[in-house]
N, C-alpha and C. Protein backbone atom coordinates (compact mmCIF):
# COMPACT_ATOMS: atom_id res chain seq x y z
N GLY A 1 12.17 2.37 -16.84
CA GLY A 1 12.71 1.63 -15.74
C GLY A 1 12.34 0.16 -15.78
N LEU A 2 11.42 -0.22 -16.66
CA LEU A 2 10.96 -1.61 -16.69
C LEU A 2 11.45 -2.33 -17.94
N VAL A 3 11.42 -1.67 -19.07
CA VAL A 3 11.68 -2.34 -20.35
C VAL A 3 13.12 -2.84 -20.47
N ARG A 4 14.07 -1.98 -20.19
CA ARG A 4 15.47 -2.36 -20.38
C ARG A 4 15.88 -3.54 -19.50
N PRO A 5 15.59 -3.51 -18.20
CA PRO A 5 15.96 -4.68 -17.37
C PRO A 5 15.21 -5.96 -17.77
N LEU A 6 13.94 -5.82 -18.16
CA LEU A 6 13.20 -7.01 -18.59
C LEU A 6 13.77 -7.58 -19.88
N THR A 7 14.20 -6.71 -20.79
CA THR A 7 14.81 -7.17 -22.03
C THR A 7 16.08 -7.96 -21.73
N HIS A 8 16.83 -7.51 -20.74
CA HIS A 8 18.05 -8.22 -20.34
C HIS A 8 17.71 -9.59 -19.74
N LEU A 9 16.61 -9.67 -19.00
CA LEU A 9 16.25 -10.93 -18.33
C LEU A 9 15.57 -11.94 -19.26
N ILE A 10 15.09 -11.48 -20.42
CA ILE A 10 14.36 -12.38 -21.32
C ILE A 10 15.24 -13.52 -21.80
N GLY A 11 16.49 -13.25 -22.07
CA GLY A 11 17.38 -14.29 -22.57
C GLY A 11 17.67 -15.38 -21.55
N GLN A 12 17.49 -15.09 -20.29
CA GLN A 12 17.77 -16.08 -19.24
C GLN A 12 16.49 -16.86 -18.95
N SER A 13 16.63 -18.15 -18.82
CA SER A 13 15.43 -18.96 -18.59
C SER A 13 15.45 -19.66 -17.24
N ASP A 14 16.32 -19.26 -16.36
CA ASP A 14 16.36 -19.92 -15.06
C ASP A 14 15.34 -19.31 -14.10
N VAL A 15 15.08 -20.01 -13.03
CA VAL A 15 14.06 -19.60 -12.06
C VAL A 15 14.44 -18.28 -11.40
N LEU A 16 15.72 -18.07 -11.18
CA LEU A 16 16.16 -16.83 -10.55
C LEU A 16 15.84 -15.62 -11.42
N ALA A 17 15.99 -15.75 -12.73
CA ALA A 17 15.67 -14.65 -13.65
C ALA A 17 14.18 -14.36 -13.64
N VAL A 18 13.36 -15.40 -13.56
CA VAL A 18 11.91 -15.21 -13.51
C VAL A 18 11.53 -14.50 -12.22
N ARG A 19 12.13 -14.89 -11.11
CA ARG A 19 11.85 -14.25 -9.82
C ARG A 19 12.31 -12.78 -9.84
N GLU A 20 13.46 -12.53 -10.44
CA GLU A 20 13.97 -11.17 -10.53
C GLU A 20 13.06 -10.30 -11.41
N ALA A 21 12.56 -10.88 -12.51
CA ALA A 21 11.63 -10.15 -13.38
C ALA A 21 10.32 -9.86 -12.64
N TYR A 22 9.86 -10.82 -11.86
CA TYR A 22 8.64 -10.63 -11.07
C TYR A 22 8.82 -9.50 -10.05
N ASP A 23 9.96 -9.50 -9.36
CA ASP A 23 10.25 -8.44 -8.38
C ASP A 23 10.39 -7.09 -9.07
N LEU A 24 10.98 -7.09 -10.25
CA LEU A 24 11.13 -5.85 -11.03
C LEU A 24 9.77 -5.27 -11.39
N CYS A 25 8.84 -6.13 -11.75
CA CYS A 25 7.49 -5.67 -12.09
C CYS A 25 6.80 -5.04 -10.88
N HIS A 26 7.04 -5.58 -9.70
CA HIS A 26 6.43 -5.01 -8.50
C HIS A 26 7.10 -3.72 -8.05
N ARG A 27 8.36 -3.54 -8.40
CA ARG A 27 9.05 -2.29 -8.07
C ARG A 27 8.68 -1.15 -9.02
N ASN A 28 8.17 -1.49 -10.21
CA ASN A 28 7.79 -0.49 -11.21
C ASN A 28 6.31 -0.67 -11.55
N PRO A 29 5.42 -0.23 -10.68
CA PRO A 29 3.99 -0.49 -10.91
C PRO A 29 3.46 0.26 -12.13
N SER A 30 2.80 -0.49 -12.99
CA SER A 30 2.12 0.05 -14.16
C SER A 30 1.19 -1.03 -14.68
N ILE A 31 0.40 -0.69 -15.66
CA ILE A 31 -0.51 -1.68 -16.24
C ILE A 31 0.28 -2.81 -16.87
N ALA A 32 1.31 -2.48 -17.64
CA ALA A 32 2.13 -3.50 -18.29
C ALA A 32 2.83 -4.38 -17.26
N ALA A 33 3.35 -3.77 -16.21
CA ALA A 33 4.05 -4.54 -15.18
C ALA A 33 3.09 -5.50 -14.48
N ASN A 34 1.86 -5.08 -14.25
CA ASN A 34 0.87 -5.97 -13.61
C ASN A 34 0.57 -7.17 -14.49
N VAL A 35 0.41 -6.94 -15.78
CA VAL A 35 0.12 -8.04 -16.71
C VAL A 35 1.31 -8.98 -16.80
N ILE A 36 2.51 -8.43 -16.91
CA ILE A 36 3.72 -9.26 -17.01
C ILE A 36 3.91 -10.08 -15.74
N ALA A 37 3.72 -9.46 -14.58
CA ALA A 37 3.88 -10.18 -13.30
C ALA A 37 2.87 -11.32 -13.20
N THR A 38 1.65 -11.07 -13.65
CA THR A 38 0.62 -12.12 -13.59
C THR A 38 0.99 -13.29 -14.48
N THR A 39 1.55 -13.01 -15.66
CA THR A 39 1.92 -14.11 -16.56
C THR A 39 3.19 -14.81 -16.09
N LEU A 40 4.07 -14.09 -15.41
CA LEU A 40 5.29 -14.73 -14.90
C LEU A 40 4.98 -15.79 -13.85
N ILE A 41 3.87 -15.61 -13.15
CA ILE A 41 3.47 -16.61 -12.15
C ILE A 41 3.21 -17.96 -12.82
N ARG A 42 2.78 -17.94 -14.07
CA ARG A 42 2.44 -19.17 -14.80
C ARG A 42 3.61 -19.74 -15.59
N THR A 43 4.80 -19.27 -15.34
CA THR A 43 5.97 -19.76 -16.07
C THR A 43 6.10 -21.28 -15.91
N GLY A 44 6.32 -21.96 -17.02
CA GLY A 44 6.46 -23.40 -17.01
C GLY A 44 5.17 -24.14 -17.29
N ARG A 45 4.07 -23.44 -17.36
CA ARG A 45 2.78 -24.06 -17.65
C ARG A 45 2.56 -24.07 -19.17
N PRO A 46 1.52 -24.76 -19.63
CA PRO A 46 1.23 -24.77 -21.08
C PRO A 46 0.95 -23.35 -21.60
N MET A 47 1.31 -23.12 -22.86
CA MET A 47 1.17 -21.80 -23.45
C MET A 47 -0.29 -21.34 -23.47
N SER A 48 -1.23 -22.24 -23.65
CA SER A 48 -2.64 -21.84 -23.66
C SER A 48 -3.07 -21.27 -22.31
N GLU A 49 -2.56 -21.84 -21.23
CA GLU A 49 -2.87 -21.33 -19.89
C GLU A 49 -2.24 -19.96 -19.67
N ILE A 50 -1.02 -19.79 -20.15
CA ILE A 50 -0.34 -18.49 -20.01
C ILE A 50 -1.09 -17.42 -20.81
N GLU A 51 -1.51 -17.76 -22.03
CA GLU A 51 -2.25 -16.81 -22.85
C GLU A 51 -3.58 -16.44 -22.21
N ARG A 52 -4.27 -17.43 -21.66
CA ARG A 52 -5.55 -17.16 -20.99
C ARG A 52 -5.34 -16.26 -19.77
N THR A 53 -4.30 -16.54 -19.00
CA THR A 53 -3.98 -15.72 -17.84
C THR A 53 -3.66 -14.29 -18.25
N ALA A 54 -2.88 -14.13 -19.30
CA ALA A 54 -2.54 -12.78 -19.79
C ALA A 54 -3.79 -12.06 -20.26
N SER A 55 -4.65 -12.76 -20.96
CA SER A 55 -5.89 -12.15 -21.45
C SER A 55 -6.78 -11.70 -20.29
N GLU A 56 -6.90 -12.53 -19.27
CA GLU A 56 -7.69 -12.15 -18.09
C GLU A 56 -7.08 -10.97 -17.35
N ALA A 57 -5.76 -10.95 -17.25
CA ALA A 57 -5.08 -9.83 -16.57
C ALA A 57 -5.28 -8.54 -17.34
N ILE A 58 -5.19 -8.61 -18.66
CA ILE A 58 -5.40 -7.42 -19.50
C ILE A 58 -6.82 -6.93 -19.32
N GLN A 59 -7.79 -7.83 -19.32
CA GLN A 59 -9.19 -7.42 -19.16
C GLN A 59 -9.42 -6.76 -17.81
N ARG A 60 -8.81 -7.30 -16.75
CA ARG A 60 -8.93 -6.68 -15.43
C ARG A 60 -8.35 -5.27 -15.42
N GLU A 61 -7.22 -5.10 -16.07
CA GLU A 61 -6.59 -3.77 -16.12
C GLU A 61 -7.44 -2.80 -16.94
N VAL A 62 -8.01 -3.26 -18.02
CA VAL A 62 -8.87 -2.40 -18.84
C VAL A 62 -10.11 -2.00 -18.05
N ASP A 63 -10.70 -2.96 -17.35
CA ASP A 63 -11.89 -2.66 -16.54
C ASP A 63 -11.58 -1.64 -15.45
N SER A 64 -10.43 -1.79 -14.80
CA SER A 64 -10.10 -0.84 -13.73
C SER A 64 -9.75 0.54 -14.29
N ALA A 65 -9.19 0.59 -15.48
CA ALA A 65 -8.83 1.88 -16.08
C ALA A 65 -10.04 2.61 -16.66
N THR A 66 -11.03 1.86 -17.11
CA THR A 66 -12.21 2.49 -17.73
C THR A 66 -13.38 2.62 -16.78
N GLY A 67 -13.21 2.24 -15.53
CA GLY A 67 -14.30 2.33 -14.56
C GLY A 67 -14.91 3.71 -14.44
N PRO A 68 -14.12 4.74 -14.22
CA PRO A 68 -14.70 6.09 -14.10
C PRO A 68 -15.35 6.59 -15.39
N VAL A 69 -14.90 6.12 -16.52
CA VAL A 69 -15.44 6.57 -17.80
C VAL A 69 -16.86 6.02 -18.02
N ARG A 70 -17.14 4.87 -17.44
CA ARG A 70 -18.48 4.29 -17.59
C ARG A 70 -19.56 5.23 -17.07
N TRP A 71 -19.27 5.91 -15.94
CA TRP A 71 -20.25 6.86 -15.39
C TRP A 71 -20.48 8.01 -16.34
N LEU A 72 -19.44 8.48 -16.99
CA LEU A 72 -19.60 9.55 -17.96
C LEU A 72 -20.45 9.10 -19.14
N ALA A 73 -20.23 7.88 -19.60
CA ALA A 73 -21.03 7.36 -20.71
C ALA A 73 -22.49 7.20 -20.29
N PHE A 74 -22.70 6.76 -19.07
CA PHE A 74 -24.07 6.62 -18.57
C PHE A 74 -24.75 7.99 -18.50
N LEU A 75 -24.05 8.98 -17.96
CA LEU A 75 -24.62 10.32 -17.85
C LEU A 75 -24.87 10.93 -19.23
N ALA A 76 -23.98 10.69 -20.17
CA ALA A 76 -24.18 11.21 -21.52
C ALA A 76 -25.38 10.55 -22.18
N GLY A 77 -25.63 9.31 -21.87
CA GLY A 77 -26.79 8.63 -22.44
C GLY A 77 -28.10 9.07 -21.82
N ILE A 78 -28.08 9.43 -20.55
CA ILE A 78 -29.32 9.78 -19.86
C ILE A 78 -29.66 11.27 -19.99
N ALA A 79 -28.68 12.11 -20.34
CA ALA A 79 -28.91 13.55 -20.41
C ALA A 79 -30.03 13.94 -21.39
N PRO A 80 -30.08 13.38 -22.60
CA PRO A 80 -31.19 13.72 -23.50
C PRO A 80 -32.56 13.32 -22.94
N LEU A 81 -32.59 12.21 -22.22
CA LEU A 81 -33.86 11.78 -21.63
C LEU A 81 -34.32 12.75 -20.55
N LEU A 82 -33.38 13.27 -19.78
CA LEU A 82 -33.74 14.28 -18.76
C LEU A 82 -34.24 15.56 -19.43
N GLY A 83 -33.65 15.92 -20.55
CA GLY A 83 -34.12 17.08 -21.30
C GLY A 83 -35.53 16.88 -21.83
N LEU A 84 -35.78 15.69 -22.33
CA LEU A 84 -37.12 15.37 -22.82
C LEU A 84 -38.12 15.38 -21.68
N LEU A 85 -37.75 14.85 -20.53
CA LEU A 85 -38.62 14.86 -19.38
C LEU A 85 -38.95 16.28 -18.95
N GLY A 86 -37.96 17.15 -18.96
CA GLY A 86 -38.20 18.55 -18.63
C GLY A 86 -39.12 19.23 -19.61
N THR A 87 -38.99 18.90 -20.87
CA THR A 87 -39.87 19.47 -21.90
C THR A 87 -41.30 19.01 -21.71
N VAL A 88 -41.47 17.73 -21.47
CA VAL A 88 -42.82 17.18 -21.27
C VAL A 88 -43.44 17.75 -20.00
N TRP A 89 -42.67 17.83 -18.94
CA TRP A 89 -43.18 18.34 -17.68
C TRP A 89 -43.59 19.81 -17.82
N GLY A 90 -42.77 20.57 -18.53
CA GLY A 90 -43.07 22.00 -18.71
C GLY A 90 -44.23 22.19 -19.62
């Protein structure tokens, strides 16, 4: 629902097409749509600023997607230590 309409809008460079692409991203919520919408806000700015914005948006999405996994990694790291503590205590 996002790729085909965005592909159609890419060829157009007017402000209305950018606004329509931004609205399309908000109607189809996903990680890719969030990153694209964030970079569309910077349309017309220098490419380095757009790339930095995209990189920051990607990092935010990665952090939010991997948040619950961090607890699992923490628990997996601490489990052997709890086993060792139980052995020493016993």
